[in-house]
Amino acid sequence: MSKAQDPFYIVKEEIQDSIDKLQSSFHQWERVPGGTGEQVHLTKELLANCESIAWKVDELAKAISVAARDPSWYGINEVELENRRRWTSNARLQVADVKRTIGAGKENDNSASVICRELMRLPNSQQPDISDHYSAKNNDDFVASESDRQMLLLKQQDEELDELSTSVKRIGGVGLTIHEELLAQEKILDELGTEMDSTKNRLDFVQKKMGMVMKKAGAKGQIMIIIFLLVLFIILFILVFFT
């Protein structure tokens, strides 16, 4: 089976595309200032994508485990199986690294939030003097910008969910195709077993008949039959190889 037809490489390509998008979003997350609304939404989106990709990789690993039970049936060898296992392990590590970094960033943001809340509890004389740099118009613009950004993030999440749904359907279709193929092969094996049983019964019948004929013919008759068969073999040999 070629790589273009192998279900593993089809699903692998989809997962790799998702990982590439995850890495791109992660780099964007790193550039966004901490504690902003954009970072919060990016964090939620990245964690959801990590869970989605991890689930896909786990399902692909299960398929590899099934193929490992009988590699020759699926037309693969041990080297190919090891390459596939190595790829799934690397994919897990990439997703885990992103998830770990985001988790550490969230903890830092939570610590900063706690400090800010503690400062808010201090008397007014102890709080730092903070000037208001934004007018009412700027606040309205900021709210509008945040609203647009949230709508964009929701749209991106909807697109990711649509892609996930398509991938799940495709994986289900591949699994159904494999199931139908196994059923067809099982039917062929059953028919072959039936044919072998029938042939064995016919051979047993012929052997019994030959035994009865040889027994009735006696020693002299057996010699005559052997001579006749030998002559017949010589004639057939001459007809086949010298005519």
Protein backbone atom coordinates (compact mmCIF):
# COMPACT_ATOMS: atom_id res chain seq x y z
CA MET A 1 0.00 0.00 0.00
CA SER A 2 1.37 3.40 -1.00
CA LYS A 3 1.72 6.28 1.46
CA ALA A 4 -1.02 8.20 -0.34
CA GLN A 5 -3.47 5.33 0.39
CA ASP A 6 -2.19 4.39 3.86
CA PRO A 7 -4.67 5.67 6.53
CA PHE A 8 -1.75 6.29 8.90
CA TYR A 9 -0.15 8.89 6.66
CA ILE A 10 -3.50 10.57 5.97
CA VAL A 11 -4.17 11.03 9.70
CA LYS A 12 -0.50 11.87 10.35
CA GLU A 13 -0.65 14.73 7.86
CA GLU A 14 -3.78 16.15 9.53
CA ILE A 15 -2.19 15.92 12.99
CA GLN A 16 1.03 17.54 11.75
CA ASP A 17 -0.99 20.44 10.30
CA SER A 18 -2.71 20.86 13.67
CA ILE A 19 0.66 20.83 15.47
CA ASP A 20 2.04 23.46 13.09
CA LYS A 21 -0.99 25.70 13.77
CA LEU A 22 -0.56 25.07 17.51
CA GLN A 23 3.09 26.15 17.35
CA SER A 24 2.14 29.30 15.43
CA SER A 25 -0.53 30.22 18.01
CA PHE A 26 1.92 29.43 20.81
CA HIS A 27 4.51 31.86 19.41
CA GLN A 28 1.75 34.50 19.20
CA TRP A 29 0.84 33.74 22.83
CA GLU A 30 4.45 34.31 23.87
CA ARG A 31 4.44 37.79 22.31
CA VAL A 32 1.17 38.90 23.95
CA PRO A 33 1.60 40.81 27.25
CA GLY A 34 0.60 38.83 30.32
CA GLY A 35 -2.69 39.48 32.09
CA THR A 36 -4.48 40.84 29.00
CA GLY A 37 -7.79 39.59 27.66
CA GLU A 38 -6.13 38.45 24.45
CA GLN A 39 -3.71 36.25 26.37
CA VAL A 40 -6.54 34.69 28.37
CA HIS A 41 -8.43 33.76 25.20
CA LEU A 42 -5.27 32.49 23.50
CA THR A 43 -4.51 30.38 26.57
CA LYS A 44 -7.95 28.74 26.49
CA GLU A 45 -7.67 28.15 22.74
CA LEU A 46 -4.19 26.62 23.01
CA LEU A 47 -5.18 24.30 25.87
CA ALA A 48 -8.25 23.12 23.92
CA ASN A 49 -6.09 22.48 20.84
CA CYS A 50 -3.56 20.56 22.95
CA GLU A 51 -6.31 18.27 24.26
CA SER A 52 -7.66 17.75 20.72
CA ILE A 53 -4.26 16.88 19.24
CA ALA A 54 -3.38 14.62 22.18
CA TRP A 55 -6.62 12.68 21.61
CA LYS A 56 -5.83 12.27 17.89
CA VAL A 57 -2.31 11.04 18.67
CA ASP A 58 -3.67 8.54 21.22
CA GLU A 59 -6.14 7.16 18.66
CA LEU A 60 -3.34 6.86 16.09
CA ALA A 61 -1.17 5.04 18.64
CA LYS A 62 -4.01 2.57 19.25
CA ALA A 63 -4.19 1.88 15.51
CA ILE A 64 -0.42 1.26 15.46
CA SER A 65 -0.81 -1.23 18.34
CA VAL A 66 -3.46 -3.12 16.36
CA ALA A 67 -1.22 -3.24 13.28
CA ALA A 68 1.70 -4.47 15.41
CA ARG A 69 -0.21 -7.69 16.19
CA ASP A 70 0.07 -8.81 12.54
CA PRO A 71 2.29 -6.42 10.52
CA SER A 72 2.33 -8.63 7.41
CA TRP A 73 -1.45 -8.43 7.16
CA TYR A 74 -1.21 -4.63 6.84
CA GLY A 75 1.82 -4.76 4.55
CA ILE A 76 4.31 -3.14 6.95
CA ASN A 77 7.49 -4.27 8.70
CA GLU A 78 9.06 -3.73 12.11
CA VAL A 79 11.15 -0.77 10.90
CA GLU A 80 8.03 1.03 9.69
CA LEU A 81 6.24 0.26 12.98
CA GLU A 82 9.17 1.71 14.96
CA ASN A 83 9.16 4.86 12.80
CA ARG A 84 5.45 5.30 13.42
CA ARG A 85 5.85 4.83 17.17
CA ARG A 86 8.73 7.34 17.19
CA TRP A 87 6.63 9.93 15.35
CA THR A 88 3.70 9.62 17.77
CA SER A 89 6.11 9.96 20.73
CA ASN A 90 7.62 13.13 19.25
CA ALA A 91 4.14 14.54 18.60
CA ARG A 92 3.17 13.90 22.24
CA LEU A 93 6.33 15.65 23.43
CA GLN A 94 5.66 18.74 21.29
CA VAL A 95 2.10 19.04 22.61
CA ALA A 96 3.22 18.38 26.20
CA ASP A 97 5.92 21.09 25.99
CA VAL A 98 3.39 23.67 24.81
CA LYS A 99 0.89 22.65 27.48
CA ARG A 100 3.55 22.73 30.22
CA THR A 101 4.75 26.21 29.22
CA ILE A 102 1.21 27.57 29.10
CA GLY A 103 0.47 26.04 32.50
CA ALA A 104 3.55 27.72 33.98
CA GLY A 105 2.46 31.04 32.43
CA LYS A 106 -1.01 30.72 33.96
CA GLU A 107 0.50 30.13 37.41
CA ASN A 108 2.61 33.27 37.04
CA ASP A 109 -0.45 35.28 35.98
CA ASN A 110 -2.40 33.96 38.97
CA SER A 111 0.42 35.04 41.32
CA ALA A 112 0.42 38.51 39.80
CA SER A 113 -3.37 38.71 40.23
CA VAL A 114 -3.07 37.79 43.91
CA ILE A 115 -0.50 40.57 44.46
CA CYS A 116 -2.77 43.09 42.73
CA ARG A 117 -5.71 42.07 44.91
CA GLU A 118 -3.59 42.46 48.04
CA LEU A 119 -2.56 45.96 46.94
CA MET A 120 -6.21 46.85 46.37
CA ARG A 121 -6.95 46.00 50.01
CA LEU A 122 -4.41 48.58 51.29
CA PRO A 123 -5.63 51.99 52.46
CA ASN A 124 -5.68 54.71 49.87
CA SER A 125 -2.64 56.40 51.48
CA GLN A 126 -0.56 53.24 50.91
CA GLN A 127 -1.61 52.54 47.33
CA PRO A 128 0.65 53.73 44.52
CA ASP A 129 -0.54 56.78 42.66
CA ILE A 130 -1.75 55.63 39.27
CA SER A 131 -2.73 58.17 36.67
CA ASP A 132 -5.59 57.52 34.31
CA HIS A 133 -4.06 57.57 30.82
CA TYR A 134 -7.23 56.69 28.98
CA SER A 135 -10.20 58.89 28.28
CA ALA A 136 -13.77 57.65 27.98
CA LYS A 137 -13.43 57.50 24.19
CA ASN A 138 -10.30 55.35 24.44
CA ASN A 139 -12.12 53.01 26.83
CA ASP A 140 -14.95 52.62 24.33
CA ASP A 141 -12.44 51.87 21.58
CA PHE A 142 -10.73 49.30 23.77
CA VAL A 143 -14.03 47.56 24.57
CA ALA A 144 -14.94 47.50 20.88
CA SER A 145 -11.49 46.09 20.00
CA GLU A 146 -11.80 43.40 22.66
CA SER A 147 -15.25 42.47 21.36
CA ASP A 148 -13.93 42.12 17.81
CA ARG A 149 -11.01 40.05 19.05
CA GLN A 150 -13.31 37.73 20.98
CA MET A 151 -15.50 37.26 17.93
CA LEU A 152 -12.42 36.38 15.87
CA LEU A 153 -11.26 33.87 18.46
CA LEU A 154 -14.72 32.28 18.58
CA LYS A 155 -14.67 31.99 14.80
CA GLN A 156 -11.25 30.34 14.91
CA GLN A 157 -12.46 27.91 17.56
CA ASP A 158 -15.48 27.03 15.39
CA GLU A 159 -13.16 26.33 12.46
CA GLU A 160 -10.96 24.12 14.64
CA LEU A 161 -14.02 22.20 15.84
CA ASP A 162 -15.16 21.72 12.22
CA GLU A 163 -11.71 20.38 11.31
CA LEU A 164 -11.79 18.06 14.31
CA SER A 165 -15.23 16.79 13.34
CA THR A 166 -14.03 16.12 9.78
CA SER A 167 -10.97 14.26 11.08
CA VAL A 168 -13.10 12.11 13.40
CA LYS A 169 -15.45 11.23 10.53
CA ARG A 170 -12.51 10.35 8.29
CA ILE A 171 -10.93 8.15 10.96
CA GLY A 172 -14.31 6.46 11.48
CA GLY A 173 -14.57 5.85 7.73
CA VAL A 174 -11.09 4.32 7.66
CA GLY A 175 -11.99 2.05 10.57
CA LEU A 176 -15.20 0.96 8.83
CA THR A 177 -13.29 0.19 5.63
CA ILE A 178 -10.78 -1.94 7.55
CA HIS A 179 -13.65 -3.77 9.28
CA GLU A 180 -15.34 -4.53 5.94
CA GLU A 181 -12.02 -5.72 4.51
CA LEU A 182 -11.53 -8.09 7.44
CA LEU A 183 -15.04 -9.49 7.02
CA ALA A 184 -14.43 -10.09 3.31
CA GLN A 185 -11.13 -11.87 4.04
CA GLU A 186 -12.82 -13.99 6.70
CA LYS A 187 -15.49 -15.04 4.19
CA ILE A 188 -12.82 -15.99 1.63
CA LEU A 189 -10.98 -18.07 4.25
CA ASP A 190 -14.22 -19.86 5.18
CA GLU A 191 -14.89 -20.69 1.52
CA LEU A 192 -11.32 -21.92 1.07
CA GLY A 193 -11.67 -24.14 4.15
CA THR A 194 -14.91 -25.60 2.75
CA GLU A 195 -13.22 -26.33 -0.60
CA MET A 196 -10.30 -28.03 1.13
CA ASP A 197 -12.65 -30.23 3.17
CA SER A 198 -14.53 -31.21 -0.01
CA THR A 199 -11.30 -32.02 -1.86
CA LYS A 200 -10.05 -34.08 1.08
CA ASN A 201 -13.28 -36.10 1.11
CA ARG A 202 -12.95 -36.77 -2.65
CA LEU A 203 -9.34 -37.92 -2.26
CA ASP A 204 -10.33 -40.24 0.59
CA PHE A 205 -13.06 -41.72 -1.60
CA VAL A 206 -10.66 -42.28 -4.54
CA GLN A 207 -8.09 -43.88 -2.26
CA LYS A 208 -10.69 -46.27 -0.87
CA LYS A 209 -11.81 -47.20 -4.39
CA MET A 210 -8.23 -47.78 -5.48
CA GLY A 211 -7.64 -49.93 -2.42
CA MET A 212 -10.69 -52.02 -3.21
CA VAL A 213 -9.61 -52.46 -6.85
CA MET A 214 -6.07 -53.46 -5.87
CA LYS A 215 -7.39 -55.88 -3.29
CA LYS A 216 -9.76 -57.57 -5.78
CA ALA A 217 -7.15 -57.74 -8.53
CA GLY A 218 -4.69 -59.79 -6.49
CA ALA A 219 -0.91 -59.90 -7.01
CA LYS A 220 -1.07 -60.67 -10.74
CA GLY A 221 -3.69 -58.04 -11.36
CA GLN A 222 -1.65 -55.46 -9.45
CA ILE A 223 1.38 -56.17 -11.65
CA MET A 224 -0.73 -55.76 -14.77
CA ILE A 225 -2.14 -52.46 -13.53
CA ILE A 226 1.35 -51.17 -12.72
CA ILE A 227 2.61 -52.19 -16.20
CA PHE A 228 -0.40 -50.52 -17.81
CA LEU A 229 0.12 -47.30 -15.89
CA LEU A 230 3.84 -47.32 -16.72
CA VAL A 231 3.13 -47.73 -20.43
CA LEU A 232 0.50 -44.99 -20.26
CA PHE A 233 3.00 -42.68 -18.56
CA ILE A 234 5.64 -43.35 -21.26
CA ILE A 235 3.14 -42.63 -24.04
CA LEU A 236 2.03 -39.38 -22.38
CA PHE A 237 5.66 -38.38 -21.85
CA ILE A 238 6.46 -38.94 -25.53
CA LEU A 239 3.35 -37.02 -26.64
CA VAL A 240 4.14 -34.06 -24.40
CA PHE A 241 7.90 -33.66 -24.99
CA PHE A 242 8.47 -35.08 -28.50
CA THR A 243 5.47 -33.87 -30.48
